[in-house]
Amino acid sequence: MNYIKLILIITTTIIFNSCKLENKGKKNIDVSHNETIVLNELPIGVNLLLNTVLPEKIIYQYDEKEGLNLQEVNLTDSISILSSNYYENLKINREEVFSQLPQIKKNIIYNISDKNNMIYFLDSCYFSKTIFYDGNLKLKLFKDGGKYNSQIGNENNSVTNYIILAVYNNLDKLIDYKTIYYNETLYYANNSMYFFLDKKLKPYLVEYKTEEDGIYLVRKREYTINNKGEFVLIKDKPTDITNEDKINDNSITLNDKISDFCKDWEGIYWFHPFELDANKIGNYYIDYFKDHQDFGLSGGSNSFKFNIMAKSEGNKLYIFKKDESDFSQKNAEAIITKMANNYYINSKRLNVERSDIKKNDLGYLINWAKTIEEIED
């Protein structure tokens, strides 16, 4: 299989060297992400996504007599969109971690070995810079920290690098976000998405996959960011080679039908939010069983309880009110994340007073039990 590795190395080298990036904004402005100064660094990304006819496929062929022969290859301006130079040039501030770990692939639990001994590595992402602020909406870029790059090259490893575009309001509260760039490196293949963000706040996303026999265009999408700061899908053109387990929407919208019951998540989730020596009682809890599903805070004057429904996506369970009709992440009452043998909860309803527990990028560590009988008194 050495010739396949050679193909990938040569192709990647040509792609990187032929990249032409568009970033004609106010590059001389040095603005902290905490400052409220109007700025605009748009457009950014690969402008060739708009003005070039993109190749649908590039087929590799190998002739043992003549050596490497790449047919249907035109790695000029059009193929230069596959460059990741923009990603490489972004700097990060590790003191500001993005609150979510994106689900780049569907049905994947990241950073633990699956049943096939495959590990899909995905690092947290960190603030890079603010690229737009008009006094109302603020656009920030976040980039992964490259923690797992040393794992690239192992036959059982997948390592994904990525960029997130996040929209905040003028109080610096997160409104919406989307993965706009990723590069997943596998042993003999890789999957990538490239972007262009124009001056009208329209992100253009293009996905490619590189396999042993060539490069294939997978999907093209166009969004706009409305005046509420939400990503709205305008165009979506999957190609005939689109494979459900290789691509996804890369957004926080979960508009699929809510499952009747997610058996793998059955159980009780709870934790005590008050100081252990305080004269307060009560626990935040989520009861998730087939015959009853509730979210609440027991005890005290601020107690609440309501019926819920849930949606499972990879290693996350999204909790919604029973009567909710918009299944987007911003409407989720809580998000439970499973990482290894631990569970974490993130919710706008949580008011945690304890000083001995800390919130990480996945939320607060919580308890879980399969049945009520398993809970210790």
Protein backbone atom coordinates (compact mmCIF):
# COMPACT_ATOMS: atom_id res chain seq x y z
CA MET A 1 0.00 0.00 0.00
CA ASN A 2 3.07 2.33 -0.14
CA TYR A 3 1.97 3.87 -3.44
CA ILE A 4 -1.26 5.05 -1.79
CA LYS A 5 0.70 6.86 0.91
CA LEU A 6 2.86 8.41 -1.83
CA ILE A 7 -0.26 9.62 -3.65
CA LEU A 8 -1.62 11.25 -0.51
CA ILE A 9 1.70 12.93 0.28
CA ILE A 10 2.13 14.32 -3.25
CA THR A 11 -1.47 15.48 -3.50
CA THR A 12 -1.39 17.17 -0.10
CA THR A 13 1.84 18.97 -0.98
CA ILE A 14 0.41 20.27 -4.25
CA ILE A 15 -2.80 21.36 -2.54
CA PHE A 16 -1.01 23.29 0.21
CA ASN A 17 1.34 25.02 -2.23
CA SER A 18 -1.48 26.08 -4.55
CA CYS A 19 -3.70 27.62 -1.89
CA LYS A 20 -5.02 31.16 -2.42
CA LEU A 21 -6.77 32.58 0.59
CA GLU A 22 -8.98 35.62 0.81
CA ASN A 23 -8.55 37.79 3.89
CA LYS A 24 -8.80 41.41 2.83
CA GLY A 25 -10.30 42.86 6.00
CA LYS A 26 -8.78 45.34 8.39
CA LYS A 27 -5.75 43.24 9.28
CA ASN A 28 -4.01 46.12 11.04
CA ILE A 29 -6.69 46.33 13.77
CA ASP A 30 -5.56 44.73 16.99
CA VAL A 31 -8.73 44.31 19.04
CA SER A 32 -9.19 42.15 22.13
CA HIS A 33 -12.24 39.88 22.05
CA ASN A 34 -13.47 41.60 25.22
CA GLU A 35 -13.47 45.12 23.78
CA THR A 36 -16.64 46.66 22.37
CA ILE A 37 -15.11 48.32 19.31
CA VAL A 38 -16.79 48.04 15.95
CA LEU A 39 -14.59 46.05 13.59
CA ASN A 40 -14.89 44.06 10.40
CA GLU A 41 -12.23 41.69 9.07
CA LEU A 42 -14.52 40.12 6.47
CA PRO A 43 -14.24 38.43 4.05
CA ILE A 44 -12.17 35.52 5.30
CA GLY A 45 -11.44 32.02 4.04
CA VAL A 46 -11.16 30.62 0.53
CA ASN A 47 -12.82 32.90 -2.03
CA LEU A 48 -12.42 30.27 -4.75
CA LEU A 49 -15.45 28.51 -3.30
CA LEU A 50 -17.51 31.18 -5.06
CA ASN A 51 -15.76 31.94 -8.32
CA THR A 52 -14.40 28.54 -9.39
CA VAL A 53 -16.07 25.47 -10.84
CA LEU A 54 -15.27 22.85 -8.24
CA PRO A 55 -14.09 19.43 -9.44
CA GLU A 56 -16.60 16.69 -8.64
CA LYS A 57 -13.89 14.04 -8.47
CA ILE A 58 -10.19 13.51 -9.13
CA ILE A 59 -9.31 9.88 -9.80
CA TYR A 60 -5.89 8.43 -9.05
CA GLN A 61 -4.49 5.71 -11.28
CA TYR A 62 -1.20 3.91 -10.81
CA ASP A 63 0.77 2.32 -13.63
CA GLU A 64 3.58 0.06 -12.39
CA LYS A 65 5.56 0.56 -15.64
CA GLU A 66 5.27 4.32 -15.91
CA GLY A 67 5.08 5.11 -12.19
CA LEU A 68 2.61 7.50 -10.64
CA ASN A 69 0.00 8.81 -13.06
CA LEU A 70 -2.61 11.23 -11.75
CA GLN A 71 -5.46 11.57 -14.23
CA GLU A 72 -8.29 14.09 -14.23
CA VAL A 73 -6.16 16.23 -11.97
CA ASN A 74 -6.27 19.99 -12.29
CA LEU A 75 -4.68 21.29 -9.13
CA THR A 76 -4.69 24.94 -10.10
CA ASP A 77 -7.01 27.57 -8.68
CA SER A 78 -9.98 25.22 -8.22
CA ILE A 79 -8.14 22.57 -6.20
CA SER A 80 -6.39 25.20 -4.12
CA ILE A 81 -9.58 25.54 -2.02
CA LEU A 82 -8.45 22.40 -0.22
CA SER A 83 -5.71 24.32 1.51
CA SER A 84 -5.61 24.52 5.28
CA ASN A 85 -3.26 27.47 5.47
CA TYR A 86 -5.88 29.65 7.12
CA TYR A 87 -6.21 27.11 9.91
CA GLU A 88 -2.45 26.86 10.37
CA ASN A 89 -2.04 30.63 10.69
CA LEU A 90 -4.64 31.08 13.45
CA LYS A 91 -3.22 31.62 16.93
CA ILE A 92 -5.11 30.55 20.04
CA ASN A 93 -5.56 31.74 23.62
CA ARG A 94 -5.74 28.65 25.83
CA GLU A 95 -7.22 30.64 28.70
CA GLU A 96 -10.59 30.80 26.91
CA VAL A 97 -12.07 27.40 26.11
CA PHE A 98 -15.19 27.05 23.98
CA SER A 99 -18.12 25.61 25.95
CA GLN A 100 -19.00 22.83 23.50
CA LEU A 101 -17.22 19.88 21.94
CA PRO A 102 -18.67 19.74 18.40
CA GLN A 103 -20.03 16.51 16.92
CA ILE A 104 -18.06 16.46 13.65
CA LYS A 105 -19.23 12.93 12.83
CA LYS A 106 -22.54 11.39 13.69
CA ASN A 107 -22.76 8.48 16.09
CA ILE A 108 -19.16 8.84 17.27
CA ILE A 109 -18.00 9.02 20.88
CA TYR A 110 -14.73 10.89 20.82
CA ASN A 111 -11.46 10.13 22.60
CA ILE A 112 -12.28 6.58 23.70
CA SER A 113 -11.75 3.28 21.91
CA ASP A 114 -14.80 1.87 20.12
CA LYS A 115 -15.70 -1.80 19.55
CA ASN A 116 -13.29 -1.93 16.58
CA ASN A 117 -10.42 -0.49 18.66
CA MET A 118 -10.69 2.73 16.67
CA ILE A 119 -10.14 6.00 18.51
CA TYR A 120 -11.54 9.27 17.14
CA PHE A 121 -9.47 12.04 18.70
CA LEU A 122 -11.01 15.51 19.07
CA ASP A 123 -9.43 18.22 21.19
CA SER A 124 -11.25 21.12 22.84
CA CYS A 125 -11.08 24.43 20.99
CA TYR A 126 -9.83 27.79 22.16
CA PHE A 127 -10.45 31.43 21.35
CA SER A 128 -8.47 32.71 18.39
CA LYS A 129 -9.85 36.14 17.49
CA THR A 130 -12.90 38.32 16.94
CA ILE A 131 -13.47 38.97 13.23
CA PHE A 132 -16.66 41.04 13.30
CA TYR A 133 -18.56 43.29 15.71
CA ASP A 134 -21.22 45.85 14.82
CA GLY A 135 -22.41 46.74 18.31
CA ASN A 136 -25.07 44.02 18.17
CA LEU A 137 -23.51 40.77 16.97
CA LYS A 138 -19.97 39.58 17.58
CA LEU A 139 -18.33 36.82 15.51
CA LYS A 140 -15.48 34.86 17.07
CA LEU A 141 -13.23 32.12 15.76
CA PHE A 142 -12.19 29.18 17.92
CA LYS A 143 -9.58 26.61 16.95
CA ASP A 144 -8.67 23.23 18.41
CA GLY A 145 -5.51 23.05 20.48
CA GLY A 146 -3.81 20.28 18.49
CA LYS A 147 -3.56 18.07 21.57
CA TYR A 148 -3.83 14.83 19.61
CA ASN A 149 -1.76 15.67 16.52
CA SER A 150 0.94 13.27 17.70
CA GLN A 151 -1.59 10.43 17.23
CA ILE A 152 -1.70 10.96 13.45
CA GLY A 153 -0.27 8.02 11.53
CA ASN A 154 -1.59 5.22 13.71
CA GLU A 155 -3.74 2.78 11.73
CA ASN A 156 -6.45 2.77 14.42
CA ASN A 157 -6.56 6.53 14.96
CA SER A 158 -8.62 9.35 13.55
CA VAL A 159 -7.49 12.90 14.41
CA THR A 160 -9.65 15.92 13.57
CA ASN A 161 -8.53 19.55 13.54
CA TYR A 162 -11.24 22.19 13.21
CA ILE A 163 -12.39 25.81 13.42
CA ILE A 164 -15.65 27.01 14.96
CA LEU A 165 -17.41 30.24 14.03
CA ALA A 166 -19.44 31.42 17.05
CA VAL A 167 -21.95 34.27 17.23
CA TYR A 168 -22.37 36.26 20.46
CA ASN A 169 -24.60 39.15 21.43
CA ASN A 170 -23.37 42.50 22.77
CA LEU A 171 -23.33 41.04 26.28
CA ASP A 172 -20.94 38.34 25.11
CA LYS A 173 -23.54 35.57 25.43
CA LEU A 174 -23.36 32.70 22.94
CA ILE A 175 -26.23 32.67 20.43
CA ASP A 176 -25.24 30.06 17.85
CA TYR A 177 -22.18 28.39 16.38
CA LYS A 178 -21.06 26.17 13.54
CA THR A 179 -18.03 24.14 12.56
CA ILE A 180 -16.77 25.86 9.40
CA TYR A 181 -13.52 23.97 8.88
CA TYR A 182 -12.29 20.51 9.74
CA ASN A 183 -9.66 18.10 8.57
CA GLU A 184 -10.00 14.51 9.72
CA THR A 185 -6.81 12.51 9.17
CA LEU A 186 -7.10 8.74 8.93
CA TYR A 187 -4.43 6.20 8.01
CA TYR A 188 -5.26 5.94 4.29
CA ALA A 189 -7.87 8.67 3.86
CA ASN A 190 -9.07 12.00 5.12
CA ASN A 191 -12.26 14.07 5.22
CA SER A 192 -12.22 17.84 5.02
CA MET A 193 -14.45 20.91 4.99
CA TYR A 194 -13.38 24.34 3.76
CA PHE A 195 -15.10 27.70 4.07
CA PHE A 196 -15.55 31.24 2.87
CA LEU A 197 -17.33 33.92 4.93
CA ASP A 198 -18.32 36.95 2.87
CA LYS A 199 -19.01 40.56 3.89
CA LYS A 200 -22.74 39.88 4.14
CA LEU A 201 -22.23 37.27 6.88
CA LYS A 202 -22.84 34.34 4.54
CA PRO A 203 -20.73 31.23 5.25
CA TYR A 204 -20.07 28.91 2.28
CA LEU A 205 -18.98 25.37 3.22
CA VAL A 206 -17.57 22.66 0.94
CA GLU A 207 -16.75 19.11 2.01
CA TYR A 208 -14.36 16.70 0.31
CA LYS A 209 -13.24 13.19 1.10
CA THR A 210 -9.90 11.72 0.03
CA GLU A 211 -9.77 7.96 -0.34
CA GLU A 212 -7.39 5.43 -1.85
CA ASP A 213 -8.64 5.97 -5.41
CA GLY A 214 -9.13 9.74 -5.44
CA ILE A 215 -10.71 12.94 -4.14
CA TYR A 216 -14.50 13.36 -4.13
CA LEU A 217 -16.72 16.38 -3.63
CA VAL A 218 -19.23 15.44 -0.93
CA ARG A 219 -21.34 18.47 -0.11
CA LYS A 220 -21.79 22.19 -0.70
CA ARG A 221 -23.78 24.43 1.63
CA GLU A 222 -24.58 28.11 1.93
CA TYR A 223 -25.80 29.81 5.11
CA THR A 224 -26.64 33.29 6.26
CA ILE A 225 -26.41 34.72 9.76
CA ASN A 226 -29.67 36.55 10.45
CA ASN A 227 -30.13 39.65 12.59
CA LYS A 228 -30.79 37.41 15.61
CA GLY A 229 -27.36 35.85 15.24
CA GLU A 230 -28.65 32.45 14.07
CA PHE A 231 -27.26 30.35 11.23
CA VAL A 232 -29.94 29.82 8.56
CA LEU A 233 -29.38 27.22 5.83
CA ILE A 234 -30.02 28.66 2.34
CA LYS A 235 -28.66 25.99 0.00
CA ASP A 236 -27.61 22.39 0.55
CA LYS A 237 -26.30 20.24 -2.28
CA PRO A 238 -25.12 16.78 -1.27
CA THR A 239 -23.58 14.85 -4.16
CA ASP A 240 -24.57 11.34 -5.20
CA ILE A 241 -21.64 9.92 -3.23
CA THR A 242 -22.82 11.41 0.06
CA ASN A 243 -22.55 8.85 2.85
CA GLU A 244 -24.58 9.41 6.02
CA ASP A 245 -21.85 8.25 8.36
CA LYS A 246 -19.15 10.40 6.77
CA ILE A 247 -20.75 13.83 6.85
CA ASN A 248 -23.29 15.72 8.87
CA ASP A 249 -24.72 19.19 9.25
CA ASN A 250 -21.93 20.32 11.60
CA SER A 251 -24.41 22.66 13.22
CA ILE A 252 -26.25 22.75 16.50
CA THR A 253 -29.66 22.31 14.88
CA LEU A 254 -31.31 19.01 15.78
CA ASN A 255 -34.42 19.08 13.61
CA ASP A 256 -34.74 15.30 13.32
CA LYS A 257 -37.76 13.66 14.90
CA ILE A 258 -37.33 13.20 18.64
CA SER A 259 -36.90 9.56 19.55
CA ASP A 260 -39.62 7.94 21.66
CA PHE A 261 -36.98 6.64 24.04
CA CYS A 262 -33.18 6.37 23.96
CA LYS A 263 -32.57 3.08 25.77
CA ASP A 264 -28.81 3.59 26.09
CA TRP A 265 -29.38 6.68 28.27
CA GLU A 266 -31.88 5.15 30.67
CA GLY A 267 -31.36 6.02 34.33
CA ILE A 268 -31.26 8.78 36.93
CA TYR A 269 -28.85 11.73 36.70
CA TRP A 270 -28.40 14.00 39.72
CA PHE A 271 -26.08 16.21 41.79
CA HIS A 272 -26.28 18.45 44.85
CA PRO A 273 -25.66 22.13 43.96
CA PHE A 274 -25.39 23.61 47.47
CA GLU A 275 -22.44 23.82 49.86
CA LEU A 276 -22.27 20.58 51.82
CA ASP A 277 -22.32 22.42 55.16
CA ALA A 278 -25.11 24.79 54.14
CA ASN A 279 -28.59 24.45 55.58
CA LYS A 280 -30.09 23.73 52.18
CA ILE A 281 -31.58 20.60 50.70
CA GLY A 282 -32.34 19.42 47.20
CA ASN A 283 -30.76 18.00 44.07
CA TYR A 284 -30.94 18.74 40.40
CA TYR A 285 -32.13 15.57 38.75
CA ILE A 286 -33.18 14.08 35.43
CA ASP A 287 -35.28 10.92 35.54
CA TYR A 288 -35.05 9.25 32.17
CA PHE A 289 -37.13 6.09 31.93
CA LYS A 290 -39.52 4.80 29.33
CA ASP A 291 -42.57 5.35 31.53
CA HIS A 292 -41.56 8.74 32.96
CA GLN A 293 -39.09 11.46 32.00
CA ASP A 294 -38.64 14.54 34.21
CA PHE A 295 -36.18 17.36 34.86
CA GLY A 296 -36.27 19.23 38.14
CA LEU A 297 -34.81 20.60 41.35
CA SER A 298 -36.11 18.91 44.47
CA GLY A 299 -36.63 20.77 47.75
CA GLY A 300 -36.36 24.45 48.63
CA SER A 301 -38.22 27.54 47.42
CA ASN A 302 -36.71 27.36 43.92
CA SER A 303 -37.77 23.79 43.23
CA PHE A 304 -39.25 22.93 39.84
CA LYS A 305 -40.28 19.90 37.80
CA PHE A 306 -41.47 19.41 34.23
CA ASN A 307 -41.89 16.60 31.74
CA ILE A 308 -39.18 16.19 29.11
CA MET A 309 -38.29 14.43 25.88
CA ALA A 310 -34.79 13.76 24.60
CA LYS A 311 -32.68 13.44 21.47
CA SER A 312 -29.48 11.38 21.35
CA GLU A 313 -26.61 12.57 19.13
CA GLY A 314 -23.32 10.71 19.51
CA ASN A 315 -22.16 11.04 23.10
CA LYS A 316 -24.72 13.72 23.97
CA LEU A 317 -28.32 13.59 25.15
CA TYR A 318 -30.29 16.78 24.48
CA ILE A 319 -33.14 17.43 26.92
CA PHE A 320 -36.22 19.41 25.79
CA LYS A 321 -39.53 20.33 27.36
CA LYS A 322 -42.30 17.92 26.46
CA ASP A 323 -44.16 20.50 24.36
CA GLU A 324 -41.07 21.88 22.55
CA SER A 325 -41.32 22.05 18.74
CA ASP A 326 -37.93 23.56 17.86
CA PHE A 327 -35.27 20.95 18.55
CA SER A 328 -32.20 23.16 18.27
CA GLN A 329 -29.46 23.23 20.87
CA LYS A 330 -30.29 26.75 21.97
CA ASN A 331 -33.72 25.47 23.04
CA ALA A 332 -32.38 22.49 24.98
CA GLU A 333 -33.10 22.63 28.70
CA ALA A 334 -30.00 20.55 29.39
CA ILE A 335 -27.27 18.62 27.61
CA ILE A 336 -25.81 15.46 29.13
CA THR A 337 -22.44 14.36 27.78
CA LYS A 338 -20.91 10.93 28.29
CA MET A 339 -17.12 10.83 28.36
CA ALA A 340 -15.52 7.49 29.20
CA ASN A 341 -17.44 6.33 32.31
CA ASN A 342 -18.44 9.81 33.45
CA TYR A 343 -21.47 12.00 32.79
CA TYR A 344 -21.56 15.80 32.61
CA ILE A 345 -24.50 18.21 32.53
CA ASN A 346 -24.72 21.67 31.01
CA SER A 347 -27.90 23.68 31.53
CA LYS A 348 -28.99 27.30 31.75
CA ARG A 349 -31.20 26.29 34.69
CA LEU A 350 -28.32 25.29 36.94
CA ASN A 351 -27.43 27.55 39.87
CA VAL A 352 -24.46 25.91 41.56
CA GLU A 353 -23.27 27.32 44.89
CA ARG A 354 -20.71 24.67 45.79
CA SER A 355 -17.07 25.74 45.69
CA ASP A 356 -15.69 22.20 45.64
CA ILE A 357 -16.95 21.37 42.16
CA LYS A 358 -15.87 23.12 38.99
CA LYS A 359 -17.48 23.40 35.59
CA ASN A 360 -15.38 22.31 32.60
CA ASP A 361 -16.11 22.63 28.89
CA LEU A 362 -18.56 19.70 29.13
CA GLY A 363 -20.40 21.04 32.18
CA TYR A 364 -20.63 19.73 35.75
CA LEU A 365 -19.76 16.15 36.67
CA ILE A 366 -22.96 14.40 37.77
CA ASN A 367 -24.02 11.12 39.31
CA TRP A 368 -25.79 8.38 37.39
CA ALA A 369 -27.64 5.24 38.43
CA LYS A 370 -29.50 2.71 36.34
CA THR A 371 -32.35 2.39 38.86
CA ILE A 372 -33.61 4.13 42.00
CA GLU A 373 -32.54 1.11 44.07
CA GLU A 374 -28.89 1.73 43.17
CA ILE A 375 -28.84 5.19 44.77
CA GLU A 376 -27.23 5.27 48.18
CA ASP A 377 -29.07 7.01 51.00
